[in-house]
Amino acid sequence: MSKLKQAPEVNAGSMADIAFLLLIFFLVTASIETDVGLNRILPRESTDPYVEIKARNLLEIGINAKNQLMVEGDILPLEELRTKVVSFIDNGGLQTDDKDFCGYCKGERLAHLSEHPDQAIISITTSRESDYAYYVSVQNEIIGAYNLLRNRESSRLYGIAYETLVQNYGEDIGPTEKMAIKGKIEGIRTMFPQKIIEPEVIHQ
């Protein structure tokens, strides 16, 4: 008499529970990387093939492969960059009878620096070997210079700092108040528009 052997059955009843627990485990322990970088608004499309820029209205900043900061061809410590940028933007170098004379500028009105904040352009060139963290530090100093000037004019005109206006705009407020703040922010940005270009990467 032959005996039939039956294959043992695997109890799969708890497999779904194990899979669910593993899914929870990976969801809890996994880290999701967030995008980091610098916020920039791309320039509007222009049909002008060539834009002439006066030399005095262009501040050239470079970062070489040794992470040395070069401003107008001279090495400059990073901690002095903000003051340098403020002097350039806020110079207001046009004559008082010029229609574009900057009445709110408080610079020294030197002949070799920018004519008006709206004409002031900052050019940043970097080496491929430049450290990214140092590049971000340079950007922070430049943005800090703009914020310093914007805070000054916003405090003078509205009695409140520009950065506080931006912060208040992001809060949960009524549409009328939001529109009023938006108008003030845009007005200050028009007085000191950020004009930063990065023409090309240099090889050193």
Foldseek 3Di string as FASTA:
>chain_A
DDDDDDDDDDPCVCVVVVVVVVVVVCVVPDDDDDDDDDDDDDDDDDPDPDDDADQQQEWEWEQELVRFIATPRHTDDLVCLLVVLLLQLLQQQDDPPDPQGDPPRDHVNDPSGDNALVRHAYEYEYAPNHDVVSVVSSVVSNVVSLQVQLQVVCCVPPVGGLVVLVVVLPDDDDPVVNVVSVVSNVVSCVRRPHHYYYPYYDHD
